Amino acid sequence: MKTKRDNYTPSEAVLLKAIPENGSKISSAELTDEWRRAMKKRIRYPRNAVSGTMRALIKKVARNREDFRIKRTPRGGPYSIEYWIEERR
């Protein structure tokens, strides 16, 4: 996916690549697994790191005025947050 203004960090690029482009949803747990495999990092709270990176990525995609947007489900207690890509209208 092409960047128009802000460059994506390596973590953001890994997460952006992991989100399916066909509109299907991916959970934060699955994103965390993908991120850990790609980044080869061992940190204490990886889901928190992924969650923060996803929040930053959602804002950056909007700021870059990409042809798509990243959507997420609301926080739901013990349930994972789900992310997906929608085409910008």
PDB file of N, CA and C in Angstrom:
ATOM      1  N   MET A   1       0.838  -1.174   0.000  1.00  0.00           N
ATOM      2  CA  MET A   1       0.000   0.000   0.000  1.00  0.00           C
ATOM      3  C   MET A   1       0.884   1.238   0.000  1.00  0.00           C
ATOM      4  N   LYS A   2       0.474   2.192  -0.726  1.00  0.00           N
ATOM      5  CA  LYS A   2       1.297   3.358  -0.969  1.00  0.00           C
ATOM      6  C   LYS A   2       1.119   4.426   0.115  1.00  0.00           C
ATOM      7  N   THR A   3       2.211   5.018   0.521  1.00  0.00           N
ATOM      8  CA  THR A   3       2.189   6.077   1.512  1.00  0.00           C
ATOM      9  C   THR A   3       2.192   7.428   0.806  1.00  0.00           C
ATOM     10  N   LYS A   4       1.392   8.348   1.300  1.00  0.00           N
ATOM     11  CA  LYS A   4       1.322   9.663   0.682  1.00  0.00           C
ATOM     12  C   LYS A   4       2.074  10.723   1.483  1.00  0.00           C
ATOM     13  N   ARG A   5       2.063  10.634   2.803  1.00  0.00           N
ATOM     14  CA  ARG A   5       2.752  11.638   3.621  1.00  0.00           C
ATOM     15  C   ARG A   5       3.652  10.999   4.658  1.00  0.00           C
ATOM     16  N   ASP A   6       3.059  10.547   5.758  1.00  0.00           N
ATOM     17  CA  ASP A   6       3.848   9.971   6.848  1.00  0.00           C
ATOM     18  C   ASP A   6       4.291   8.560   6.496  1.00  0.00           C
ATOM     19  N   ASN A   7       5.539   8.263   6.795  1.00  0.00           N
ATOM     20  CA  ASN A   7       6.024   6.906   6.603  1.00  0.00           C
ATOM     21  C   ASN A   7       5.560   6.037   7.764  1.00  0.00           C
ATOM     22  N   TYR A   8       5.351   4.769   7.479  1.00  0.00           N
ATOM     23  CA  TYR A   8       4.939   3.832   8.510  1.00  0.00           C
ATOM     24  C   TYR A   8       6.173   3.239   9.182  1.00  0.00           C
ATOM     25  N   THR A   9       6.096   3.061  10.487  1.00  0.00           N
ATOM     26  CA  THR A   9       7.183   2.421  11.227  1.00  0.00           C
ATOM     27  C   THR A   9       7.211   0.935  10.860  1.00  0.00           C
ATOM     28  N   PRO A  10       8.302   0.237  11.158  1.00  0.00           N
ATOM     29  CA  PRO A  10       8.339  -1.205  10.863  1.00  0.00           C
ATOM     30  C   PRO A  10       7.201  -1.976  11.540  1.00  0.00           C
ATOM     31  N   SER A  11       6.875  -1.635  12.778  1.00  0.00           N
ATOM     32  CA  SER A  11       5.774  -2.305  13.475  1.00  0.00           C
ATOM     33  C   SER A  11       4.440  -2.035  12.788  1.00  0.00           C
ATOM     34  N   GLU A  12       4.211  -0.786  12.401  1.00  0.00           N
ATOM     35  CA  GLU A  12       2.967  -0.437  11.712  1.00  0.00           C
ATOM     36  C   GLU A  12       2.871  -1.144  10.362  1.00  0.00           C
ATOM     37  N   ALA A  13       3.990  -1.245   9.660  1.00  0.00           N
ATOM     38  CA  ALA A  13       3.985  -1.912   8.356  1.00  0.00           C
ATOM     39  C   ALA A  13       3.641  -3.390   8.493  1.00  0.00           C
ATOM     40  N   VAL A  14       4.174  -4.039   9.527  1.00  0.00           N
ATOM     41  CA  VAL A  14       3.872  -5.457   9.757  1.00  0.00           C
ATOM     42  C   VAL A  14       2.384  -5.636  10.050  1.00  0.00           C
ATOM     43  N   LEU A  15       1.834  -4.782  10.908  1.00  0.00           N
ATOM     44  CA  LEU A  15       0.419  -4.893  11.257  1.00  0.00           C
ATOM     45  C   LEU A  15      -0.488  -4.569  10.080  1.00  0.00           C
ATOM     46  N   LEU A  16      -0.128  -3.573   9.301  1.00  0.00           N
ATOM     47  CA  LEU A  16      -0.923  -3.207   8.133  1.00  0.00           C
ATOM     48  C   LEU A  16      -0.964  -4.353   7.119  1.00  0.00           C
ATOM     49  N   LYS A  17       0.160  -5.009   6.956  1.00  0.00           N
ATOM     50  CA  LYS A  17       0.236  -6.144   6.032  1.00  0.00           C
ATOM     51  C   LYS A  17      -0.568  -7.341   6.539  1.00  0.00           C
ATOM     52  N   ALA A  18      -0.694  -7.472   7.866  1.00  0.00           N
ATOM     53  CA  ALA A  18      -1.390  -8.618   8.465  1.00  0.00           C
ATOM     54  C   ALA A  18      -2.914  -8.494   8.385  1.00  0.00           C
ATOM     55  N   ILE A  19      -3.428  -7.278   8.243  1.00  0.00           N
ATOM     56  CA  ILE A  19      -4.881  -7.090   8.181  1.00  0.00           C
ATOM     57  C   ILE A  19      -5.367  -7.495   6.790  1.00  0.00           C
ATOM     58  N   PRO A  20      -6.339  -8.402   6.702  1.00  0.00           N
ATOM     59  CA  PRO A  20      -6.835  -8.830   5.393  1.00  0.00           C
ATOM     60  C   PRO A  20      -7.480  -7.668   4.637  1.00  0.00           C
ATOM     61  N   GLU A  21      -7.181  -7.567   3.351  1.00  0.00           N
ATOM     62  CA  GLU A  21      -7.721  -6.482   2.531  1.00  0.00           C
ATOM     63  C   GLU A  21      -9.112  -6.785   1.994  1.00  0.00           C
ATOM     64  N   ASN A  22      -9.601  -8.000   2.175  1.00  0.00           N
ATOM     65  CA  ASN A  22     -10.901  -8.374   1.622  1.00  0.00           C
ATOM     66  C   ASN A  22     -12.067  -8.004   2.533  1.00  0.00           C
ATOM     67  N   GLY A  23     -11.790  -7.310   3.636  1.00  0.00           N
ATOM     68  CA  GLY A  23     -12.857  -6.876   4.524  1.00  0.00           C
ATOM     69  C   GLY A  23     -13.131  -7.819   5.676  1.00  0.00           C
ATOM     70  N   SER A  24     -12.479  -8.985   5.693  1.00  0.00           N
ATOM     71  CA  SER A  24     -12.686  -9.896   6.819  1.00  0.00           C
ATOM     72  C   SER A  24     -11.934  -9.369   8.042  1.00  0.00           C
ATOM     73  N   LYS A  25     -12.378  -9.786   9.194  1.00  0.00           N
ATOM     74  CA  LYS A  25     -11.839  -9.260  10.450  1.00  0.00           C
ATOM     75  C   LYS A  25     -10.707 -10.127  10.973  1.00  0.00           C
ATOM     76  N   ILE A  26      -9.795  -9.486  11.703  1.00  0.00           N
ATOM     77  CA  ILE A  26      -8.708 -10.188  12.367  1.00  0.00           C
ATOM     78  C   ILE A  26      -8.664  -9.700  13.814  1.00  0.00           C
ATOM     79  N   SER A  27      -8.490 -10.612  14.742  1.00  0.00           N
ATOM     80  CA  SER A  27      -8.526 -10.249  16.159  1.00  0.00           C
ATOM     81  C   SER A  27      -7.175  -9.695  16.613  1.00  0.00           C
ATOM     82  N   SER A  28      -7.209  -9.011  17.730  1.00  0.00           N
ATOM     83  CA  SER A  28      -5.970  -8.465  18.282  1.00  0.00           C
ATOM     84  C   SER A  28      -5.023  -9.587  18.698  1.00  0.00           C
ATOM     85  N   ALA A  29      -5.547 -10.730  19.103  1.00  0.00           N
ATOM     86  CA  ALA A  29      -4.695 -11.864  19.464  1.00  0.00           C
ATOM     87  C   ALA A  29      -3.949 -12.391  18.231  1.00  0.00           C
ATOM     88  N   GLU A  30      -4.653 -12.485  17.095  1.00  0.00           N
ATOM     89  CA  GLU A  30      -4.004 -12.934  15.862  1.00  0.00           C
ATOM     90  C   GLU A  30      -2.977 -11.916  15.373  1.00  0.00           C
ATOM     91  N   LEU A  31      -3.304 -10.632  15.495  1.00  0.00           N
ATOM     92  CA  LEU A  31      -2.343  -9.591  15.118  1.00  0.00           C
ATOM     93  C   LEU A  31      -1.102  -9.648  15.990  1.00  0.00           C
ATOM     94  N   THR A  32      -1.290  -9.913  17.278  1.00  0.00           N
ATOM     95  CA  THR A  32      -0.160 -10.010  18.189  1.00  0.00           C
ATOM     96  C   THR A  32       0.750 -11.161  17.791  1.00  0.00           C
ATOM     97  N   ASP A  33       0.166 -12.295  17.433  1.00  0.00           N
ATOM     98  CA  ASP A  33       0.967 -13.437  16.988  1.00  0.00           C
ATOM     99  C   ASP A  33       1.754 -13.104  15.720  1.00  0.00           C
ATOM    100  N   GLU A  34       1.097 -12.467  14.765  1.00  0.00           N
ATOM    101  CA  GLU A  34       1.772 -12.064  13.527  1.00  0.00           C
ATOM    102  C   GLU A  34       2.907 -11.090  13.806  1.00  0.00           C
ATOM    103  N   TRP A  35       2.659 -10.117  14.677  1.00  0.00           N
ATOM    104  CA  TRP A  35       3.654  -9.106  15.007  1.00  0.00           C
ATOM    105  C   TRP A  35       4.870  -9.733  15.676  1.00  0.00           C
ATOM    106  N   ARG A  36       4.627 -10.651  16.625  1.00  0.00           N
ATOM    107  CA  ARG A  36       5.736 -11.302  17.325  1.00  0.00           C
ATOM    108  C   ARG A  36       6.567 -12.144  16.371  1.00  0.00           C
ATOM    109  N   ARG A  37       5.928 -12.838  15.425  1.00  0.00           N
ATOM    110  CA  ARG A  37       6.667 -13.642  14.440  1.00  0.00           C
ATOM    111  C   ARG A  37       7.528 -12.753  13.542  1.00  0.00           C
ATOM    112  N   ALA A  38       6.957 -11.658  13.084  1.00  0.00           N
ATOM    113  CA  ALA A  38       7.663 -10.793  12.136  1.00  0.00           C
ATOM    114  C   ALA A  38       8.757  -9.965  12.801  1.00  0.00           C
ATOM    115  N   MET A  39       8.484  -9.463  13.988  1.00  0.00           N
ATOM    116  CA  MET A  39       9.428  -8.564  14.647  1.00  0.00           C
ATOM    117  C   MET A  39      10.495  -9.316  15.440  1.00  0.00           C
ATOM    118  N   LYS A  40      10.225 -10.559  15.767  1.00  0.00           N
ATOM    119  CA  LYS A  40      11.171 -11.390  16.527  1.00  0.00           C
ATOM    120  C   LYS A  40      11.604 -10.706  17.825  1.00  0.00           C
ATOM    121  N   LYS A  41      10.635 -10.097  18.483  1.00  0.00           N
ATOM    122  CA  LYS A  41      10.913  -9.428  19.753  1.00  0.00           C
ATOM    123  C   LYS A  41      10.200 -10.155  20.870  1.00  0.00           C
ATOM    124  N   ARG A  42      10.821 -10.162  22.007  1.00  0.00           N
ATOM    125  CA  ARG A  42      10.182 -10.702  23.198  1.00  0.00           C
ATOM    126  C   ARG A  42      10.000  -9.540  24.168  1.00  0.00           C
ATOM    127  N   ILE A  43       8.770  -9.112  24.284  1.00  0.00           N
ATOM    128  CA  ILE A  43       8.480  -8.058  25.246  1.00  0.00           C
ATOM    129  C   ILE A  43       7.441  -8.584  26.212  1.00  0.00           C
ATOM    130  N   ARG A  44       7.332  -7.925  27.338  1.00  0.00           N
ATOM    131  CA  ARG A  44       6.489  -8.436  28.412  1.00  0.00           C
ATOM    132  C   ARG A  44       5.000  -8.397  28.084  1.00  0.00           C
ATOM    133  N   TYR A  45       4.525  -7.312  27.508  1.00  0.00           N
ATOM    134  CA  TYR A  45       3.093  -7.164  27.229  1.00  0.00           C
ATOM    135  C   TYR A  45       2.875  -6.875  25.742  1.00  0.00           C
ATOM    136  N   PRO A  46       2.989  -7.898  24.897  1.00  0.00           N
ATOM    137  CA  PRO A  46       2.907  -7.645  23.452  1.00  0.00           C
ATOM    138  C   PRO A  46       1.534  -7.176  22.986  1.00  0.00           C
ATOM    139  N   ARG A  47       0.461  -7.632  23.614  1.00  0.00           N
ATOM    140  CA  ARG A  47      -0.873  -7.203  23.161  1.00  0.00           C
ATOM    141  C   ARG A  47      -1.069  -5.717  23.410  1.00  0.00           C
ATOM    142  N   ASN A  48      -0.541  -5.201  24.505  1.00  0.00           N
ATOM    143  CA  ASN A  48      -0.630  -3.763  24.765  1.00  0.00           C
ATOM    144  C   ASN A  48       0.157  -2.983  23.720  1.00  0.00           C
ATOM    145  N   ALA A  49       1.327  -3.491  23.343  1.00  0.00           N
ATOM    146  CA  ALA A  49       2.146  -2.825  22.328  1.00  0.00           C
ATOM    147  C   ALA A  49       1.419  -2.809  20.984  1.00  0.00           C
ATOM    148  N   VAL A  50       0.804  -3.921  20.627  1.00  0.00           N
ATOM    149  CA  VAL A  50       0.079  -4.003  19.364  1.00  0.00           C
ATOM    150  C   VAL A  50      -1.138  -3.088  19.393  1.00  0.00           C
ATOM    151  N   SER A  51      -1.829  -3.044  20.505  1.00  0.00           N
ATOM    152  CA  SER A  51      -3.008  -2.190  20.621  1.00  0.00           C
ATOM    153  C   SER A  51      -2.637  -0.713  20.440  1.00  0.00           C
ATOM    154  N   GLY A  52      -1.569  -0.290  21.085  1.00  0.00           N
ATOM    155  CA  GLY A  52      -1.111   1.092  20.942  1.00  0.00           C
ATOM    156  C   GLY A  52      -0.646   1.401  19.536  1.00  0.00           C
ATOM    157  N   THR A  53       0.047   0.459  18.929  1.00  0.00           N
ATOM    158  CA  THR A  53       0.513   0.646  17.558  1.00  0.00           C
ATOM    159  C   THR A  53      -0.659   0.717  16.589  1.00  0.00           C
ATOM    160  N   MET A  54      -1.688  -0.089  16.824  1.00  0.00           N
ATOM    161  CA  MET A  54      -2.872  -0.048  15.958  1.00  0.00           C
ATOM    162  C   MET A  54      -3.602   1.281  16.083  1.00  0.00           C
ATOM    163  N   ARG A  55      -3.697   1.820  17.300  1.00  0.00           N
ATOM    164  CA  ARG A  55      -4.333   3.138  17.460  1.00  0.00           C
ATOM    165  C   ARG A  55      -3.570   4.198  16.667  1.00  0.00           C
ATOM    166  N   ALA A  56      -2.235   4.151  16.749  1.00  0.00           N
ATOM    167  CA  ALA A  56      -1.414   5.108  16.007  1.00  0.00           C
ATOM    168  C   ALA A  56      -1.562   4.895  14.502  1.00  0.00           C
ATOM    169  N   LEU A  57      -1.629   3.633  14.079  1.00  0.00           N
ATOM    170  CA  LEU A  57      -1.760   3.321  12.659  1.00  0.00           C
ATOM    171  C   LEU A  57      -3.095   3.811  12.100  1.00  0.00           C
ATOM    172  N   ILE A  58      -4.166   3.652  12.855  1.00  0.00           N
ATOM    173  CA  ILE A  58      -5.479   4.123  12.412  1.00  0.00           C
ATOM    174  C   ILE A  58      -5.449   5.635  12.186  1.00  0.00           C
ATOM    175  N   LYS A  59      -4.832   6.367  13.103  1.00  0.00           N
ATOM    176  CA  LYS A  59      -4.728   7.821  12.957  1.00  0.00           C
ATOM    177  C   LYS A  59      -3.851   8.208  11.767  1.00  0.00           C
ATOM    178  N   LYS A  60      -2.743   7.471  11.585  1.00  0.00           N
ATOM    179  CA  LYS A  60      -1.814   7.792  10.510  1.00  0.00           C
ATOM    180  C   LYS A  60      -2.436   7.515   9.143  1.00  0.00           C
ATOM    181  N   VAL A  61      -3.206   6.445   9.024  1.00  0.00           N
ATOM    182  CA  VAL A  61      -3.889   6.137   7.759  1.00  0.00           C
ATOM    183  C   VAL A  61      -4.876   7.258   7.423  1.00  0.00           C
ATOM    184  N   ALA A  62      -5.582   7.760   8.422  1.00  0.00           N
ATOM    185  CA  ALA A  62      -6.518   8.868   8.200  1.00  0.00           C
ATOM    186  C   ALA A  62      -5.767  10.140   7.811  1.00  0.00           C
ATOM    187  N   ARG A  63      -4.663  10.418   8.500  1.00  0.00           N
ATOM    188  CA  ARG A  63      -3.870  11.605   8.212  1.00  0.00           C
ATOM    189  C   ARG A  63      -3.264  11.550   6.807  1.00  0.00           C
ATOM    190  N   ASN A  64      -2.891  10.355   6.373  1.00  0.00           N
ATOM    191  CA  ASN A  64      -2.309  10.182   5.042  1.00  0.00           C
ATOM    192  C   ASN A  64      -3.354  10.205   3.937  1.00  0.00           C
ATOM    193  N   ARG A  65      -4.632  10.197   4.310  1.00  0.00           N
ATOM    194  CA  ARG A  65      -5.737  10.167   3.350  1.00  0.00           C
ATOM    195  C   ARG A  65      -5.571   9.015   2.361  1.00  0.00           C
ATOM    196  N   GLU A  66      -5.317   7.831   2.920  1.00  0.00           N
ATOM    197  CA  GLU A  66      -5.176   6.630   2.093  1.00  0.00           C
ATOM    198  C   GLU A  66      -6.523   6.299   1.450  1.00  0.00           C
ATOM    199  N   ASP A  67      -6.514   5.360   0.518  1.00  0.00           N
ATOM    200  CA  ASP A  67      -7.733   4.950  -0.184  1.00  0.00           C
ATOM    201  C   ASP A  67      -8.583   4.004   0.649  1.00  0.00           C
ATOM    202  N   PHE A  68      -8.181   3.737   1.851  1.00  0.00           N
ATOM    203  CA  PHE A  68      -8.870   2.807   2.740  1.00  0.00           C
ATOM    204  C   PHE A  68      -8.830   3.374   4.150  1.00  0.00           C
ATOM    205  N   ARG A  69      -9.598   2.769   5.031  1.00  0.00           N
ATOM    206  CA  ARG A  69      -9.503   3.095   6.455  1.00  0.00           C
ATOM    207  C   ARG A  69      -9.523   1.804   7.251  1.00  0.00           C
ATOM    208  N   ILE A  70      -8.939   1.864   8.398  1.00  0.00           N
ATOM    209  CA  ILE A  70      -8.917   0.711   9.298  1.00  0.00           C
ATOM    210  C   ILE A  70      -9.994   0.937  10.340  1.00  0.00           C
ATOM    211  N   LYS A  71     -10.867  -0.035  10.492  1.00  0.00           N
ATOM    212  CA  LYS A  71     -11.960   0.046  11.459  1.00  0.00           C
ATOM    213  C   LYS A  71     -11.700  -0.963  12.568  1.00  0.00           C
ATOM    214  N   ARG A  72     -12.341  -0.742  13.714  1.00  0.00           N
ATOM    215  CA  ARG A  72     -12.190  -1.670  14.829  1.00  0.00           C
ATOM    216  C   ARG A  72     -13.495  -1.795  15.592  1.00  0.00           C
ATOM    217  N   THR A  73     -13.656  -2.912  16.270  1.00  0.00           N
ATOM    218  CA  THR A  73     -14.823  -3.104  17.124  1.00  0.00           C
ATOM    219  C   THR A  73     -14.569  -2.397  18.448  1.00  0.00           C
ATOM    220  N   PRO A  74     -15.610  -2.017  19.168  1.00  0.00           N
ATOM    221  CA  PRO A  74     -15.408  -1.407  20.474  1.00  0.00           C
ATOM    222  C   PRO A  74     -14.814  -2.426  21.460  1.00  0.00           C
ATOM    223  N   ARG A  75     -14.173  -1.902  22.460  1.00  0.00           N
ATOM    224  CA  ARG A  75     -13.598  -2.760  23.487  1.00  0.00           C
ATOM    225  C   ARG A  75     -14.720  -3.531  24.170  1.00  0.00           C
ATOM    226  N   GLY A  76     -14.489  -4.824  24.409  1.00  0.00           N
ATOM    227  CA  GLY A  76     -15.552  -5.646  24.965  1.00  0.00           C
ATOM    228  C   GLY A  76     -15.102  -6.537  26.096  1.00  0.00           C
ATOM    229  N   GLY A  77     -14.483  -5.957  27.108  1.00  0.00           N
ATOM    230  CA  GLY A  77     -14.075  -6.747  28.267  1.00  0.00           C
ATOM    231  C   GLY A  77     -13.034  -7.780  27.912  1.00  0.00           C
ATOM    232  N   PRO A  78     -13.320  -9.061  28.172  1.00  0.00           N
ATOM    233  CA  PRO A  78     -12.308 -10.099  27.935  1.00  0.00           C
ATOM    234  C   PRO A  78     -12.174 -10.508  26.465  1.00  0.00           C
ATOM    235  N   TYR A  79     -13.018  -9.965  25.591  1.00  0.00           N
ATOM    236  CA  TYR A  79     -13.001 -10.360  24.190  1.00  0.00           C
ATOM    237  C   TYR A  79     -11.997  -9.525  23.400  1.00  0.00           C
ATOM    238  N   SER A  80     -11.377 -10.147  22.432  1.00  0.00           N
ATOM    239  CA  SER A  80     -10.392  -9.460  21.594  1.00  0.00           C
ATOM    240  C   SER A  80     -11.066  -8.402  20.731  1.00  0.00           C
ATOM    241  N   ILE A  81     -10.335  -7.336  20.457  1.00  0.00           N
ATOM    242  CA  ILE A  81     -10.786  -6.309  19.524  1.00  0.00           C
ATOM    243  C   ILE A  81     -10.528  -6.841  18.125  1.00  0.00           C
ATOM    244  N   GLU A  82     -11.421  -6.566  17.201  1.00  0.00           N
ATOM    245  CA  GLU A  82     -11.247  -7.010  15.826  1.00  0.00           C
ATOM    246  C   GLU A  82     -11.026  -5.798  14.926  1.00  0.00           C
ATOM    247  N   TYR A  83     -10.153  -5.972  13.952  1.00  0.00           N
ATOM    248  CA  TYR A  83      -9.803  -4.918  13.005  1.00  0.00           C
ATOM    249  C   TYR A  83     -10.096  -5.401  11.596  1.00  0.00           C
ATOM    250  N   TRP A  84     -10.427  -4.450  10.702  1.00  0.00           N
ATOM    251  CA  TRP A  84     -10.624  -4.757   9.294  1.00  0.00           C
ATOM    252  C   TRP A  84     -10.393  -3.499   8.477  1.00  0.00           C
ATOM    253  N   ILE A  85     -10.239  -3.696   7.184  1.00  0.00           N
ATOM    254  CA  ILE A  85      -9.996  -2.581   6.260  1.00  0.00           C
ATOM    255  C   ILE A  85     -11.266  -2.338   5.457  1.00  0.00           C
ATOM    256  N   GLU A  86     -11.643  -1.068   5.363  1.00  0.00           N
ATOM    257  CA  GLU A  86     -12.776  -0.649   4.532  1.00  0.00           C
ATOM    258  C   GLU A  86     -12.285   0.317   3.487  1.00  0.00           C
ATOM    259  N   GLU A  87     -12.908   0.267   2.330  1.00  0.00           N
ATOM    260  CA  GLU A  87     -12.587   1.219   1.274  1.00  0.00           C
ATOM    261  C   GLU A  87     -13.121   2.590   1.668  1.00  0.00           C
ATOM    262  N   ARG A  88     -12.328   3.613   1.436  1.00  0.00           N
ATOM    263  CA  ARG A  88     -12.765   4.977   1.732  1.00  0.00           C
ATOM    264  C   ARG A  88     -13.764   5.427   0.688  1.00  0.00           C
ATOM    265  N   ARG A  89     -14.828   6.098   1.129  1.00  0.00           N
ATOM    266  CA  ARG A  89     -15.865   6.557   0.193  1.00  0.00           C
ATOM    267  C   ARG A  89     -15.690   7.991  -0.133  1.00  0.00           C
TER     268      ARG A  89
END
